[in-house]
Amino acid sequence: MTKSNLIVGKEIEEGSQFYTSENVNVTELIKNDKTMAFLEHDEAEQYSKTKKSYVYQLFICRRLSKLEFSDMKTFGYAVPN
């Protein structure tokens, strides 16, 4: 498990939600290993080449309370499996 995976896993456990630039929620895809999340573009690019896939920018909304989320912020990159 990479450092990125550990950080993303912790964020998901804490209720954070992950989105594409088109506001598509990809949290379940990440949880179900259908998409990999990375903090660094180079790491995502290398992985995408092994999967013959592509890289896209990943955004996060962190859970602030039971009903409140932060504004969307840049988090890293994602690669569909």
Protein backbone atom coordinates (compact mmCIF):
# COMPACT_ATOMS: atom_id res chain seq x y z
CA MET A 1 0.00 0.00 0.00
CA THR A 2 1.39 3.39 -0.99
CA LYS A 3 1.47 6.56 1.09
CA SER A 4 -1.22 7.99 -1.19
CA ASN A 5 -3.49 5.00 -0.53
CA LEU A 6 -3.10 5.36 3.23
CA ILE A 7 -3.91 9.07 3.15
CA VAL A 8 -6.91 8.59 0.85
CA GLY A 9 -8.18 5.69 2.98
CA LYS A 10 -7.99 7.85 6.10
CA GLU A 11 -9.80 10.72 4.37
CA ILE A 12 -12.61 8.37 3.28
CA GLU A 13 -12.89 6.92 6.80
CA GLU A 14 -13.32 10.46 8.10
CA GLY A 15 -16.16 11.08 5.63
CA SER A 16 -14.37 13.05 2.94
CA GLN A 17 -15.76 12.89 -0.59
CA PHE A 18 -13.68 12.91 -3.80
CA TYR A 19 -14.73 14.56 -7.07
CA THR A 20 -13.59 15.09 -10.66
CA SER A 21 -13.35 18.58 -12.17
CA GLU A 22 -16.87 17.98 -13.56
CA ASN A 23 -18.20 17.46 -9.98
CA VAL A 24 -18.66 13.70 -10.41
CA ASN A 25 -18.34 11.95 -7.05
CA VAL A 26 -15.74 9.16 -7.42
CA THR A 27 -15.48 8.21 -3.73
CA GLU A 28 -17.18 4.83 -4.23
CA LEU A 29 -14.97 4.08 -7.24
CA ILE A 30 -11.90 4.70 -5.07
CA LYS A 31 -13.31 2.62 -2.20
CA ASN A 32 -14.05 -0.27 -4.60
CA ASP A 33 -10.57 -0.12 -6.21
CA LYS A 34 -12.00 0.89 -9.59
CA THR A 35 -10.01 4.14 -9.41
CA MET A 36 -6.64 4.80 -7.79
CA ALA A 37 -5.89 8.15 -6.13
CA PHE A 38 -2.44 9.72 -5.96
CA LEU A 39 -0.95 12.80 -4.35
CA GLU A 40 1.75 13.26 -7.00
CA HIS A 41 1.21 13.62 -10.75
CA ASP A 42 4.34 11.60 -11.63
CA GLU A 43 3.13 8.64 -9.57
CA ALA A 44 -0.30 8.81 -11.22
CA GLU A 45 1.27 9.10 -14.68
CA GLN A 46 3.43 6.00 -14.14
CA TYR A 47 0.44 4.01 -12.89
CA SER A 48 -1.71 5.13 -15.83
CA LYS A 49 0.88 3.82 -18.27
CA THR A 50 0.86 0.37 -16.64
CA LYS A 51 -2.96 0.31 -16.84
CA LYS A 52 -3.12 1.92 -20.29
CA SER A 53 -5.44 4.49 -18.76
CA TYR A 54 -5.39 8.27 -18.18
CA VAL A 55 -4.86 10.75 -15.34
CA TYR A 56 -7.34 13.34 -14.14
CA GLN A 57 -7.26 15.92 -11.37
CA LEU A 58 -8.92 14.93 -8.09
CA PHE A 59 -10.71 17.26 -5.68
CA ILE A 60 -11.78 16.73 -2.08
CA CYS A 61 -14.56 17.96 0.18
CA ARG A 62 -13.67 17.21 3.79
CA ARG A 63 -16.40 16.46 6.33
CA LEU A 64 -16.50 19.26 8.90
CA SER A 65 -19.49 17.99 10.85
CA LYS A 66 -22.34 15.52 10.43
CA LEU A 67 -24.07 17.77 7.89
CA GLU A 68 -21.33 20.13 6.73
CA PHE A 69 -18.50 19.76 4.21
CA SER A 70 -15.62 22.07 3.33
CA ASP A 71 -15.39 23.82 -0.01
CA MET A 72 -13.95 21.70 -2.79
CA LYS A 73 -10.14 21.81 -2.88
CA THR A 74 -7.49 20.28 -5.10
CA PHE A 75 -6.28 16.99 -3.61
CA GLY A 76 -4.23 15.14 -6.20
CA TYR A 77 -4.78 12.91 -9.20
CA ALA A 78 -6.75 9.79 -10.07
CA VAL A 79 -6.45 6.96 -12.57
CA PRO A 80 -9.35 4.67 -13.53
CA ASN A 81 -8.43 0.97 -13.43
